[in-house]
């Protein structure tokens, strides 16, 4: 299948927006679908740029149950493997991997882990109170990453799509370093007006810059974050728009990165580049394990790069099943993340989390089920790809009728430029609980609008955008479920709590009396999606002639085997084929 060569016209549709038409003329390119440049990224996530996860065959030592895993990790030479025999190991003090080795368990004939790492004084199903709050595994120099106070002011804007910036000085910077690029979007922000409430203009306002919306109202709102404390929750103070970069080279005051900048950072907002105190841990892997009982997250990447989790059965945790903080090009693949200990809002039940500028991660070919939030982005995620995962049954334990957010790159102000491709999930949504997320691309997913484990749904939707979810792109998806009844194609311009909708746009679950966010609607680029309400491919404000197979892959991934790829084809006669992650789940005993 080739890219469309010609003209794409973006216009208003159905009275939902009042935007000016934009015409984009582009030539065929391997990067795929023709969308505006500010929404694109050269997605090469995880270890894709290195040819994938290294296959390490040199076993340094095999540790049996009861043995000292940490001592083996500390002694293992870089590039080798600490092998754990089948059986159960108790890890009540976390393991720290701070160099490029692999910690690998043992698997059965079907490839399922038979090595169990358990924390016996940690998470307990149905409880938010562990005896001892610690993870099981940390990949990084230490538990708490430390960033330098020696930030470098940029002397010119860092332009999206380029790799080069200029800074006031390069003292303390070196090729190979991972650094943080950010800007201050809070100091110059102002209170802006909100849509009508109860059908009439409101005097209530919200605090925002041109791209960043904070959860701060005037007059104050019960759902507001605490200011100024929240300004440092997952970023440097006032700087939630950020991304971790890797330095390729330095010449004079010019710094060149190994990957493009995802969004423009401006001198007007005091854009800065900041090194970390310690070097990122690179090329460390966790493979073929079953983990249970972690109670301050289960696996944590804390200031790591080009590191991974592979074929891990991750269950019964508090915090995050996998946490990716201050990190670059982490890969989570082929794993089963399920049944968190405490599925309630508040941070205790997230399956996956990216935070603090973490960038260009790859979340691929996983099964993710039964947690509160399936994944969150907290001031992070630039260049991240979430692809070919089976995601189901996100829920709140005290209100199982409420349909939680499914695949998602939001939950704390500042996240941007994620790609969601080829997943099956009960919905895509971009939440505004702690501020907005922007520039997300949702391509060739099956968004069912339905959780298989919960027959009653509240707030059901296949695709949702909460207030502040600006510049989203949704193309080539198959939405809803064949034969489902009681569904409506799109919400009207007012908030709707009840009812099932394919598209639920611009809503605010803290203010159902508030009309839809007009900017979320007007900046949504959507078309080429098939839905089971109208049983048609709808062209809303984008016209295309064909879809590329992928926006980040150049060929069929190996884990698809003999299965057809792409498996989601809204323009074809057969809309849905086999997703390997779901087939793997259905085959479980």
Protein backbone atom coordinates (compact mmCIF):
# COMPACT_ATOMS: atom_id res chain seq x y z
CA UNK A 1 0.00 0.00 0.00
CA UNK A 2 1.43 3.40 -0.93
CA UNK A 3 1.02 6.79 0.58
CA UNK A 4 -1.48 9.20 -0.93
CA UNK A 5 0.16 11.61 -3.35
CA UNK A 6 -1.78 14.79 -3.85
CA UNK A 7 -3.74 17.26 -1.77
CA UNK A 8 -5.31 16.85 1.65
CA UNK A 9 -7.99 19.36 2.54
CA UNK A 10 -8.85 19.99 6.19
CA UNK A 11 -12.22 21.69 6.66
CA UNK A 12 -14.99 22.13 9.17
CA UNK A 13 -17.65 19.40 9.25
CA UNK A 14 -21.16 19.20 10.61
CA UNK A 15 -21.14 22.57 12.33
CA UNK A 16 -18.84 21.22 15.07
CA UNK A 17 -16.07 23.75 14.48
CA UNK A 18 -15.39 27.09 12.95
CA UNK A 19 -11.92 26.67 11.53
CA UNK A 20 -10.46 28.03 8.34
CA UNK A 21 -9.75 25.42 5.64
CA UNK A 22 -6.13 24.31 5.42
CA UNK A 23 -4.68 22.74 2.30
CA UNK A 24 -1.54 20.64 2.57
CA UNK A 25 0.22 19.40 -0.56
CA UNK A 26 2.82 16.70 0.06
CA UNK A 27 4.69 14.05 -1.86
CA UNK A 28 4.67 10.37 -1.03
CA UNK A 29 7.02 9.67 1.87
CA UNK A 30 7.92 6.62 3.97
CA UNK A 31 6.83 8.50 7.11
CA UNK A 32 3.25 7.68 6.15
CA UNK A 33 0.01 9.58 6.43
CA UNK A 34 -0.09 13.17 5.28
CA UNK A 35 -0.92 15.24 8.33
CA UNK A 36 0.18 18.75 9.32
CA UNK A 37 3.86 18.99 10.20
CA UNK A 38 3.29 20.11 13.80
CA UNK A 39 1.44 16.83 14.50
CA UNK A 40 4.14 14.57 13.09
CA UNK A 41 7.15 12.98 14.68
CA UNK A 42 9.84 10.67 13.29
CA UNK A 43 8.74 7.84 15.56
CA UNK A 44 11.67 5.45 16.22
CA UNK A 45 10.83 4.41 19.77
CA UNK A 46 12.48 2.10 22.27
CA UNK A 47 15.39 0.12 20.84
CA UNK A 48 14.09 0.21 17.25
CA UNK A 49 16.95 2.50 16.21
CA UNK A 50 19.42 -0.13 17.48
CA UNK A 51 17.82 -3.07 15.72
CA UNK A 52 15.75 -4.16 18.70
CA UNK A 53 16.48 -5.65 22.11
CA UNK A 54 19.90 -7.36 22.15
CA UNK A 55 19.86 -11.16 22.43
CA UNK A 56 22.37 -11.83 25.16
CA UNK A 57 23.63 -15.41 25.43
CA UNK A 58 26.52 -15.19 27.91
CA UNK A 59 25.27 -16.33 31.32
CA UNK A 60 27.44 -14.89 34.07
CA UNK A 61 25.78 -16.87 36.86
CA UNK A 62 22.62 -18.83 37.58
CA UNK A 63 20.97 -18.03 40.90
CA UNK A 64 18.68 -20.54 42.61
CA UNK A 65 15.82 -19.65 44.99
CA UNK A 66 17.29 -18.42 48.25
CA UNK A 67 20.40 -17.08 46.52
CA UNK A 68 21.61 -13.47 46.59
CA UNK A 69 20.28 -11.83 43.42
CA UNK A 70 21.64 -8.37 44.19
CA UNK A 71 25.18 -9.69 44.70
CA UNK A 72 24.97 -11.45 41.34
CA UNK A 73 23.73 -8.26 39.65
CA UNK A 74 26.53 -6.21 41.19
CA UNK A 75 29.20 -8.68 40.05
CA UNK A 76 27.84 -9.31 36.54
CA UNK A 77 29.95 -7.84 33.70
CA UNK A 78 28.25 -5.42 31.31
CA UNK A 79 26.56 -7.21 28.43
CA UNK A 80 26.03 -10.48 30.29
CA UNK A 81 23.08 -12.19 31.98
CA UNK A 82 22.12 -12.98 35.56
CA UNK A 83 19.94 -16.06 35.15
CA UNK A 84 17.33 -16.95 37.77
CA UNK A 85 16.27 -20.57 38.05
CA UNK A 86 12.63 -21.64 38.16
CA UNK A 87 11.00 -21.18 41.54
CA UNK A 88 10.05 -18.44 43.97
CA UNK A 89 12.39 -15.72 45.24
CA UNK A 90 11.39 -13.30 48.00
CA UNK A 91 12.54 -9.74 47.29
CA UNK A 92 11.55 -7.53 50.22
CA UNK A 93 14.30 -5.00 49.51
CA UNK A 94 14.30 -3.85 45.91
CA UNK A 95 16.85 -5.00 43.35
CA UNK A 96 18.89 -2.19 41.77
CA UNK A 97 20.22 -2.64 38.24
CA UNK A 98 22.61 0.21 37.53
CA UNK A 99 24.57 -1.10 34.56
CA UNK A 100 23.87 -2.66 31.18
CA UNK A 101 23.12 -6.26 32.07
CA UNK A 102 20.07 -8.53 31.71
CA UNK A 103 18.17 -10.03 34.64
CA UNK A 104 16.44 -13.06 33.14
CA UNK A 105 14.20 -15.74 34.59
CA UNK A 106 13.25 -19.18 33.33
CA UNK A 107 10.26 -20.04 31.13
CA UNK A 108 8.25 -23.19 30.42
CA UNK A 109 7.74 -24.85 27.05
CA UNK A 110 5.12 -22.23 26.16
CA UNK A 111 7.41 -19.32 27.01
CA UNK A 112 5.61 -18.46 30.25
CA UNK A 113 7.76 -17.35 33.19
CA UNK A 114 8.36 -19.96 35.90
CA UNK A 115 10.60 -17.68 37.95
CA UNK A 116 8.62 -15.67 40.52
CA UNK A 117 9.89 -12.61 42.37
CA UNK A 118 7.53 -11.83 45.23
CA UNK A 119 7.44 -9.10 47.82
CA UNK A 120 5.76 -10.65 50.84
CA UNK A 121 5.38 -7.42 52.85
CA UNK A 122 4.11 -5.26 49.99
CA UNK A 123 0.90 -4.97 47.99
CA UNK A 124 -2.13 -7.00 49.03
CA UNK A 125 -5.18 -7.37 46.74
CA UNK A 126 -7.98 -5.06 47.85
CA UNK A 127 -5.81 -2.84 50.06
CA UNK A 128 -4.17 0.54 49.58
CA UNK A 129 -1.92 0.12 52.64
CA UNK A 130 1.26 -1.96 52.22
CA UNK A 131 3.36 -2.98 55.19
CA UNK A 132 6.45 -1.66 53.37
CA UNK A 133 6.32 0.61 50.31
CA UNK A 134 9.05 -0.47 47.90
CA UNK A 135 9.21 -1.68 44.31
CA UNK A 136 10.72 -5.03 43.32
CA UNK A 137 13.11 -3.83 40.59
CA UNK A 138 14.67 -0.44 39.85
CA UNK A 139 16.68 0.18 36.69
CA UNK A 140 18.74 3.32 37.18
CA UNK A 141 21.63 4.77 39.17
CA UNK A 142 19.49 4.97 42.33
CA UNK A 143 15.90 5.18 43.57
CA UNK A 144 15.57 8.95 43.18
CA UNK A 145 16.94 10.60 40.02
CA UNK A 146 18.66 13.92 40.56
CA UNK A 147 18.74 16.70 38.01
CA UNK A 148 21.37 19.42 38.00
CA UNK A 149 20.72 23.00 39.06
CA UNK A 150 23.06 24.16 36.27
CA UNK A 151 20.49 24.72 33.54
CA UNK A 152 21.57 26.25 30.25
CA UNK A 153 19.36 28.95 28.70
CA UNK A 154 18.67 28.51 25.02
CA UNK A 155 19.76 31.46 22.90
CA UNK A 156 17.35 30.65 20.06
CA UNK A 157 14.14 28.66 19.84
CA UNK A 158 14.45 24.86 19.75
CA UNK A 159 12.43 24.18 16.61
CA UNK A 160 10.25 21.09 16.28
CA UNK A 161 11.58 18.61 13.74
CA UNK A 162 15.19 19.76 14.03
CA UNK A 163 17.97 18.17 16.08
CA UNK A 164 20.11 21.19 16.89
CA UNK A 165 19.88 23.91 19.56
CA UNK A 166 22.14 26.69 20.78
CA UNK A 167 22.70 27.36 24.47
CA UNK A 168 24.45 30.06 26.48
CA UNK A 169 27.20 27.63 27.49
CA UNK A 170 27.90 23.90 27.27
CA UNK A 171 29.77 23.43 30.53
CA UNK A 172 28.98 20.02 31.96
CA UNK A 173 27.47 18.69 28.71
CA UNK A 174 28.94 15.82 26.68
CA UNK A 175 28.07 13.53 23.80
CA UNK A 176 26.13 10.49 24.96
CA UNK A 177 24.45 12.32 27.84
CA UNK A 178 20.71 12.32 28.33
CA UNK A 179 19.42 15.79 29.21
CA UNK A 180 16.10 17.52 29.82
CA UNK A 181 14.73 20.13 27.41
CA UNK A 182 11.87 22.23 28.80
CA UNK A 183 10.24 25.67 28.96
CA UNK A 184 8.26 27.74 31.47
CA UNK A 185 4.59 27.68 30.48
CA UNK A 186 3.29 28.84 33.86
CA UNK A 187 4.87 32.25 34.52
CA UNK A 188 3.34 33.86 31.44
CA UNK A 189 0.04 32.01 31.51
CA UNK A 190 -3.27 33.79 32.13
CA UNK A 191 -6.84 32.93 33.06
CA UNK A 192 -8.89 32.26 29.92
CA UNK A 193 -12.64 31.98 29.49
CA UNK A 194 -14.53 28.70 29.63
CA UNK A 195 -17.45 27.47 27.48
CA UNK A 196 -21.03 28.13 28.51
CA UNK A 197 -22.33 26.51 31.66
CA UNK A 198 -25.98 25.55 31.95
CA UNK A 199 -26.48 27.07 28.51
CA UNK A 200 -25.27 30.56 29.42
CA UNK A 201 -21.92 32.39 29.52
CA UNK A 202 -19.93 31.85 32.71
CA UNK A 203 -17.48 34.09 34.54
CA UNK A 204 -15.40 31.04 35.54
CA UNK A 205 -11.95 30.85 33.97
CA UNK A 206 -9.04 28.42 33.75
CA UNK A 207 -5.28 29.07 33.80
CA UNK A 208 -3.51 28.40 30.50
CA UNK A 209 -0.71 29.31 28.13
CA UNK A 210 -1.13 28.95 24.37
CA UNK A 211 -0.56 25.17 24.63
CA UNK A 212 -0.71 24.19 28.29
CA UNK A 213 -3.84 24.15 30.46
CA UNK A 214 -3.34 23.82 34.22
CA UNK A 215 -6.02 22.50 36.55
CA UNK A 216 -6.49 25.88 38.22
CA UNK A 217 -9.72 27.87 38.05
CA UNK A 218 -10.88 31.34 38.95
CA UNK A 219 -12.82 31.22 41.18
CA UNK A 220 -11.12 28.13 42.60
CA UNK A 221 -12.73 24.77 41.93
CA UNK A 222 -12.91 21.69 44.20
CA UNK A 223 -11.07 19.68 41.53
CA UNK A 224 -8.13 22.09 41.29
CA UNK A 225 -4.57 20.99 41.94
CA UNK A 226 -2.71 22.62 44.85
CA UNK A 227 -0.60 25.49 43.59
CA UNK A 228 2.34 26.05 43.71
CA UNK A 229 3.04 22.51 45.02
CA UNK A 230 1.66 20.73 41.96
CA UNK A 231 4.04 22.64 39.67
CA UNK A 232 6.83 20.24 40.70
CA UNK A 233 4.90 16.98 40.80
CA UNK A 234 6.29 15.51 37.56
CA UNK A 235 8.49 18.23 36.10
CA UNK A 236 10.81 21.02 37.10
CA UNK A 237 8.90 23.89 38.66
CA UNK A 238 6.55 25.58 36.14
CA UNK A 239 7.91 23.43 33.26
CA UNK A 240 5.55 20.57 32.39
CA UNK A 241 6.18 20.88 28.64
CA UNK A 242 9.42 18.90 28.38
CA UNK A 243 11.26 15.93 26.90
CA UNK A 244 14.40 13.95 27.62
CA UNK A 245 16.92 14.08 24.76
CA UNK A 246 20.24 12.35 24.08
CA UNK A 247 23.23 14.43 22.98
CA UNK A 248 24.91 13.25 19.77
CA UNK A 249 27.58 15.96 19.54
CA UNK A 250 28.62 19.42 20.72
CA UNK A 251 30.33 22.12 18.68
CA UNK A 252 30.91 25.44 20.39
CA UNK A 253 27.56 26.41 21.89
CA UNK A 254 25.63 24.19 19.49
CA UNK A 255 24.19 20.93 20.80
CA UNK A 256 22.95 18.25 18.41
CA UNK A 257 20.61 15.50 19.56
CA UNK A 258 20.25 11.92 18.33
CA UNK A 259 16.55 12.44 17.55
CA UNK A 260 14.37 15.38 16.47
CA UNK A 261 12.77 17.80 18.89
CA UNK A 262 9.05 17.00 19.16
CA UNK A 263 7.64 20.46 19.87
CA UNK A 264 9.10 23.98 19.67
CA UNK A 265 10.57 25.35 22.91
CA UNK A 266 10.90 29.12 22.95
CA UNK A 267 13.31 31.68 24.32
CA UNK A 268 10.27 33.79 25.23
CA UNK A 269 9.35 31.06 27.74
CA UNK A 270 12.93 30.72 29.01
CA UNK A 271 13.59 27.38 27.34
CA UNK A 272 16.44 25.54 29.03
CA UNK A 273 18.60 22.44 28.71
CA UNK A 274 19.49 20.70 31.96
CA UNK A 275 21.85 17.76 32.59
CA UNK A 276 21.30 15.08 35.22
CA UNK A 277 23.69 14.66 38.14
CA UNK A 278 24.39 11.00 37.29
CA UNK A 279 24.58 9.30 33.92
CA UNK A 280 21.58 7.35 32.67
CA UNK A 281 21.83 3.58 32.93
CA UNK A 282 21.84 2.18 29.39
CA UNK A 283 21.05 -1.23 27.92
CA UNK A 284 19.66 -2.89 31.04
CA UNK A 285 16.94 -5.51 30.63
CA UNK A 286 14.40 -7.43 32.71
CA UNK A 287 13.09 -10.59 31.05
CA UNK A 288 11.05 -13.77 31.62
CA UNK A 289 9.85 -13.12 35.18
CA UNK A 290 6.63 -13.16 37.16
CA UNK A 291 6.49 -10.24 39.60
CA UNK A 292 4.01 -9.77 42.43
CA UNK A 293 3.64 -7.59 45.51
CA UNK A 294 5.55 -4.45 44.57
CA UNK A 295 4.19 -1.60 46.64
CA UNK A 296 5.86 1.56 45.33
CA UNK A 297 5.53 0.47 41.76
CA UNK A 298 6.66 -2.97 40.62
CA UNK A 299 9.33 -2.19 38.01
CA UNK A 300 10.75 1.32 37.92
CA UNK A 301 12.97 2.86 35.26
CA UNK A 302 14.55 5.81 37.07
CA UNK A 303 16.92 7.70 34.77
CA UNK A 304 17.50 4.86 32.30
CA UNK A 305 17.91 4.74 28.53
CA UNK A 306 17.65 2.02 25.86
CA UNK A 307 16.47 -0.39 28.54
CA UNK A 308 13.57 -2.83 28.60
CA UNK A 309 11.00 -5.14 30.13
CA UNK A 310 10.24 -8.23 28.04
CA UNK A 311 7.94 -11.21 28.66
CA UNK A 312 7.14 -10.27 32.25
CA UNK A 313 3.96 -11.35 34.06
CA UNK A 314 3.34 -8.32 36.26
CA UNK A 315 0.53 -8.54 38.83
CA UNK A 316 -0.68 -7.35 42.28
CA UNK A 317 1.16 -4.04 42.63
CA UNK A 318 0.51 -0.66 44.20
CA UNK A 319 1.51 2.46 42.32
CA UNK A 320 2.53 1.54 38.77
CA UNK A 321 3.05 -1.87 37.22
CA UNK A 322 5.83 -0.28 35.15
CA UNK A 323 7.00 3.27 35.91
CA UNK A 324 9.18 5.14 33.40
CA UNK A 325 10.64 8.32 34.92
CA UNK A 326 13.29 10.74 33.58
CA UNK A 327 14.11 8.12 30.96
CA UNK A 328 14.76 7.80 27.23
CA UNK A 329 13.80 5.07 24.76
CA UNK A 330 12.53 2.47 27.21
CA UNK A 331 10.78 -0.59 25.78
CA UNK A 332 7.96 -2.58 27.42
CA UNK A 333 6.99 -5.52 25.25
CA UNK A 334 5.42 -8.98 25.08
CA UNK A 335 4.29 -8.74 28.71
CA UNK A 336 1.12 -9.36 30.74
CA UNK A 337 0.27 -6.52 33.14
CA UNK A 338 -2.88 -7.33 35.06
CA UNK A 339 -4.89 -7.31 38.26
CA UNK A 340 -3.42 -4.46 40.23
CA UNK A 341 -3.90 -4.57 43.99
CA UNK A 342 -6.00 -1.40 44.28
CA UNK A 343 -8.02 -0.20 41.30
CA UNK A 344 -9.06 3.25 42.45
CA UNK A 345 -8.11 6.80 41.44
CA UNK A 346 -5.26 8.38 43.37
CA UNK A 347 -2.13 6.87 41.87
CA UNK A 348 -2.26 3.40 43.40
CA UNK A 349 -3.53 1.42 40.42
CA UNK A 350 -1.82 2.43 37.17
CA UNK A 351 -0.63 -0.33 34.87
CA UNK A 352 1.89 1.88 33.04
CA UNK A 353 3.19 5.39 33.69
CA UNK A 354 5.53 7.74 31.88
CA UNK A 355 6.55 10.85 33.77
CA UNK A 356 9.10 13.63 34.22
CA UNK A 357 10.00 14.18 30.57
CA UNK A 358 10.45 10.51 29.66
CA UNK A 359 10.49 10.30 25.89
CA UNK A 360 10.45 7.96 22.87
CA UNK A 361 9.32 4.84 24.75
CA UNK A 362 7.83 1.82 22.99
CA UNK A 363 4.90 0.00 24.61
CA UNK A 364 4.27 -2.90 22.21
CA UNK A 365 2.51 -6.28 22.04
CA UNK A 366 1.39 -6.37 25.67
CA UNK A 367 -1.78 -7.57 27.41
CA UNK A 368 -3.03 -4.97 29.91
CA UNK A 369 -6.13 -5.78 31.97
CA UNK A 370 -7.86 -4.98 35.24
CA UNK A 371 -6.23 -1.84 36.59
CA UNK A 372 -7.59 1.60 37.32
CA UNK A 373 -5.73 3.61 34.68
CA UNK A 374 -4.32 1.40 31.96
CA UNK A 375 -1.62 3.97 31.22
CA UNK A 376 -0.89 7.57 32.09
CA UNK A 377 1.39 10.30 30.79
CA UNK A 378 2.53 12.82 33.36
CA UNK A 379 4.47 15.71 31.80
CA UNK A 380 6.13 13.25 29.44
CA UNK A 381 6.03 10.98 26.44
CA UNK A 382 7.30 12.96 23.44
CA UNK A 383 7.87 10.51 20.59
CA UNK A 384 6.37 7.56 22.47
CA UNK A 385 4.57 4.76 20.61
CA UNK A 386 1.84 2.58 22.17
CA UNK A 387 1.19 -0.16 19.64
CA UNK A 388 -0.46 -3.56 19.12
CA UNK A 389 -1.50 -3.99 22.75
CA UNK A 390 -4.70 -5.67 23.99
CA UNK A 391 -6.16 -3.33 26.63
CA UNK A 392 -9.33 -4.16 28.55
CA UNK A 393 -11.26 -3.70 31.80
CA UNK A 394 -10.00 -0.47 33.26
CA UNK A 395 -12.24 0.19 36.24
CA UNK A 396 -12.85 1.93 39.56
CA UNK A 397 -13.35 -0.55 42.38
CA UNK A 398 -16.04 1.49 44.13
CA UNK A 399 -18.00 2.19 40.91
CA UNK A 400 -17.56 -0.57 38.37
CA UNK A 401 -20.22 0.94 36.07
CA UNK A 402 -17.93 3.89 35.29
CA UNK A 403 -15.89 3.32 32.13
CA UNK A 404 -12.34 4.41 32.87
CA UNK A 405 -9.84 5.85 30.40
CA UNK A 406 -8.27 3.21 28.13
CA UNK A 407 -5.24 3.85 25.93
CA UNK A 408 -4.10 7.27 26.97
CA UNK A 409 -1.13 9.66 27.11
CA UNK A 410 -2.55 12.12 29.61
CA UNK A 411 -3.26 12.60 33.34
CA UNK A 412 -0.82 15.39 34.17
CA UNK A 413 -0.33 18.63 32.29
CA UNK A 414 2.27 18.78 29.49
CA UNK A 415 2.32 15.40 27.73
CA UNK A 416 2.53 15.56 23.94
CA UNK A 417 3.28 13.75 20.66
CA UNK A 418 2.41 10.12 21.41
CA UNK A 419 1.37 7.67 18.68
CA UNK A 420 -1.29 5.03 19.40
CA UNK A 421 -1.30 2.44 16.63
CA UNK A 422 -2.89 -0.95 16.13
CA UNK A 423 -4.21 -1.47 19.65
CA UNK A 424 -7.48 -3.04 20.72
CA UNK A 425 -8.91 -1.07 23.63
CA UNK A 426 -12.26 -0.22 25.12
CA UNK A 427 -11.55 3.43 24.37
CA UNK A 428 -9.02 6.11 23.67
CA UNK A 429 -9.41 9.14 25.89
CA UNK A 430 -7.33 12.17 26.83
CA UNK A 431 -8.16 13.21 30.37
CA UNK A 432 -7.79 16.59 32.08
CA UNK A 433 -7.61 15.46 35.71
CA UNK A 434 -4.37 17.36 36.31
CA UNK A 435 -4.21 19.41 33.11
CA UNK A 436 -4.18 18.82 29.37
CA UNK A 437 -2.32 16.73 26.81
CA UNK A 438 -1.75 17.79 23.21
CA UNK A 439 -0.68 16.54 19.77
CA UNK A 440 -1.69 12.89 20.10
CA UNK A 441 -2.11 10.64 17.04
CA UNK A 442 -4.55 7.69 17.10
CA UNK A 443 -4.13 5.48 14.03
CA UNK A 444 -5.52 2.07 12.97
CA UNK A 445 -6.85 1.07 16.40
CA UNK A 446 -9.91 -1.02 17.25
CA UNK A 447 -11.74 1.10 19.85
CA UNK A 448 -14.72 -0.96 20.98
CA UNK A 449 -16.36 1.35 23.54
CA UNK A 450 -16.99 -1.74 25.66
CA UNK A 451 -15.21 -3.50 28.54
CA UNK A 452 -15.67 -7.26 28.41
CA UNK A 453 -15.75 -7.71 32.20
CA UNK A 454 -18.36 -5.07 33.05
CA UNK A 455 -21.76 -5.39 31.37
CA UNK A 456 -22.97 -2.01 32.68
CA UNK A 457 -21.19 1.09 31.42
CA UNK A 458 -21.36 4.71 32.50
CA UNK A 459 -19.84 7.41 30.31
CA UNK A 460 -19.24 4.86 27.54
CA UNK A 461 -17.33 6.09 24.50
CA UNK A 462 -14.96 4.73 21.90
CA UNK A 463 -13.02 8.00 21.58
CA UNK A 464 -13.04 10.79 24.13
CA UNK A 465 -11.40 14.19 24.42
CA UNK A 466 -11.71 16.07 27.66
CA UNK A 467 -11.30 19.84 27.96
CA UNK A 468 -7.88 21.02 26.74
CA UNK A 469 -7.16 18.00 24.55
CA UNK A 470 -5.98 20.03 21.57
CA UNK A 471 -4.49 19.10 18.17
CA UNK A 472 -5.45 15.43 18.25
CA UNK A 473 -5.42 13.29 15.10
CA UNK A 474 -7.69 10.23 14.72
CA UNK A 475 -7.47 8.45 11.39
CA UNK A 476 -7.99 4.90 10.19
CA UNK A 477 -9.67 3.45 13.28
CA UNK A 478 -12.50 0.90 13.58
CA UNK A 479 -14.87 1.98 16.34
CA UNK A 480 -17.66 0.40 18.37
CA UNK A 481 -18.83 -3.21 18.26
CA UNK A 482 -20.80 -4.93 15.55
CA UNK A 483 -24.39 -5.51 16.62
CA UNK A 484 -24.26 -3.19 19.64
CA UNK A 485 -27.42 -1.16 20.23
CA UNK A 486 -28.16 2.12 21.95
CA UNK A 487 -25.16 3.98 20.56
CA UNK A 488 -24.96 7.49 19.06
CA UNK A 489 -22.31 8.59 16.59
CA UNK A 490 -21.17 11.84 18.22
CA UNK A 491 -22.13 13.96 21.23
CA UNK A 492 -23.85 17.27 20.57
CA UNK A 493 -22.06 20.47 21.54
CA UNK A 494 -23.09 19.99 25.16
CA UNK A 495 -21.69 17.67 27.79
CA UNK A 496 -23.38 14.31 28.07
CA UNK A 497 -22.80 12.01 31.03
CA UNK A 498 -25.28 9.32 30.10
CA UNK A 499 -25.53 7.55 26.78
CA UNK A 500 -23.06 5.63 24.62
CA UNK A 501 -21.11 7.61 22.02
CA UNK A 502 -18.54 6.72 19.41
CA UNK A 503 -17.13 10.25 19.70
CA UNK A 504 -17.34 12.16 22.99
CA UNK A 505 -15.60 15.44 22.28
CA UNK A 506 -14.55 18.32 24.52
CA UNK A 507 -16.29 17.15 27.67
CA UNK A 508 -15.36 17.88 31.29
CA UNK A 509 -16.31 15.15 33.79
CA UNK A 510 -15.94 17.59 36.66
CA UNK A 511 -18.42 20.00 35.06
CA UNK A 512 -21.18 18.21 33.18
CA UNK A 513 -23.03 21.54 32.99
CA UNK A 514 -20.23 22.95 30.80
CA UNK A 515 -20.51 22.95 27.01
CA UNK A 516 -17.92 21.11 24.95
CA UNK A 517 -14.48 22.67 24.56
CA UNK A 518 -14.64 24.31 21.11
CA UNK A 519 -10.86 24.14 20.65
CA UNK A 520 -10.76 20.40 21.33
CA UNK A 521 -13.39 19.99 18.62
CA UNK A 522 -11.98 22.45 16.08
CA UNK A 523 -8.39 21.13 16.31
CA UNK A 524 -9.39 17.45 16.02
CA UNK A 525 -8.29 16.04 12.66
CA UNK A 526 -10.52 13.02 11.98
CA UNK A 527 -11.44 10.95 9.00
CA UNK A 528 -11.12 7.53 7.42
CA UNK A 529 -12.64 5.92 10.52
CA UNK A 530 -15.24 3.14 10.29
CA UNK A 531 -17.88 2.85 13.02
CA UNK A 532 -20.57 0.28 13.79
CA UNK A 533 -23.25 2.92 14.42
CA UNK A 534 -23.40 4.40 10.94
CA UNK A 535 -21.70 1.33 9.40
CA UNK A 536 -19.72 3.60 7.13
CA UNK A 537 -16.29 5.13 6.77
CA UNK A 538 -16.76 8.73 7.84
CA UNK A 539 -14.81 11.63 6.38
CA UNK A 540 -15.18 14.48 8.86
CA UNK A 541 -12.53 17.06 8.08
CA UNK A 542 -9.86 15.10 6.26
CA UNK A 543 -9.96 13.43 2.87
CA UNK A 544 -7.45 10.73 2.00
CA UNK A 545 -7.25 8.07 -0.70
CA UNK A 546 -5.37 5.34 1.17
CA UNK A 547 -3.78 4.59 4.51
CA UNK A 548 -0.14 3.66 5.09
CA UNK A 549 0.41 0.38 6.87
CA UNK A 550 2.11 2.04 9.83
CA UNK A 551 3.41 5.38 11.05
CA UNK A 552 6.50 3.92 12.75
CA UNK A 553 7.21 0.52 11.16
CA UNK A 554 8.62 -0.09 7.70
CA UNK A 555 7.43 -3.71 7.49
CA UNK A 556 5.29 -6.31 9.23
CA UNK A 557 6.54 -6.94 12.79
CA UNK A 558 7.82 -10.44 13.53
CA UNK A 559 5.33 -11.08 16.35
CA UNK A 560 2.47 -11.07 13.83
CA UNK A 561 3.80 -14.35 12.39
CA UNK A 562 1.46 -15.59 9.67
CA UNK A 563 -1.35 -13.26 10.75
CA UNK A 564 -2.41 -10.49 8.38
CA UNK A 565 -0.97 -7.02 8.99
CA UNK A 566 -2.23 -4.35 9.34
CA UNK A 567 -4.94 -6.10 11.30
CA UNK A 568 -7.20 -2.98 11.42
CA UNK A 569 -8.42 -1.95 7.97
CA UNK A 570 -11.36 0.49 8.01
CA UNK A 571 -11.24 0.95 4.23
CA UNK A 572 -11.20 -2.77 3.43
CA UNK A 573 -13.95 -5.36 3.19
CA UNK A 574 -12.63 -7.14 6.30
CA UNK A 575 -12.32 -4.52 9.00
CA UNK A 576 -10.63 -6.55 11.76
CA UNK A 577 -8.34 -9.56 11.71
CA UNK A 578 -6.16 -11.07 14.47
CA UNK A 579 -4.29 -9.05 17.08
CA UNK A 580 -1.51 -11.33 18.40
CA UNK A 581 -1.67 -9.92 21.94
CA UNK A 582 -5.37 -10.72 22.20
CA UNK A 583 -4.89 -14.17 20.65
CA UNK A 584 -2.18 -14.81 23.24
CA UNK A 585 -4.55 -13.85 26.02
CA UNK A 586 -7.38 -16.02 24.69
CA UNK A 587 -5.00 -18.99 24.55
CA UNK A 588 -4.02 -18.70 28.21
CA UNK A 589 -5.04 -21.63 30.42
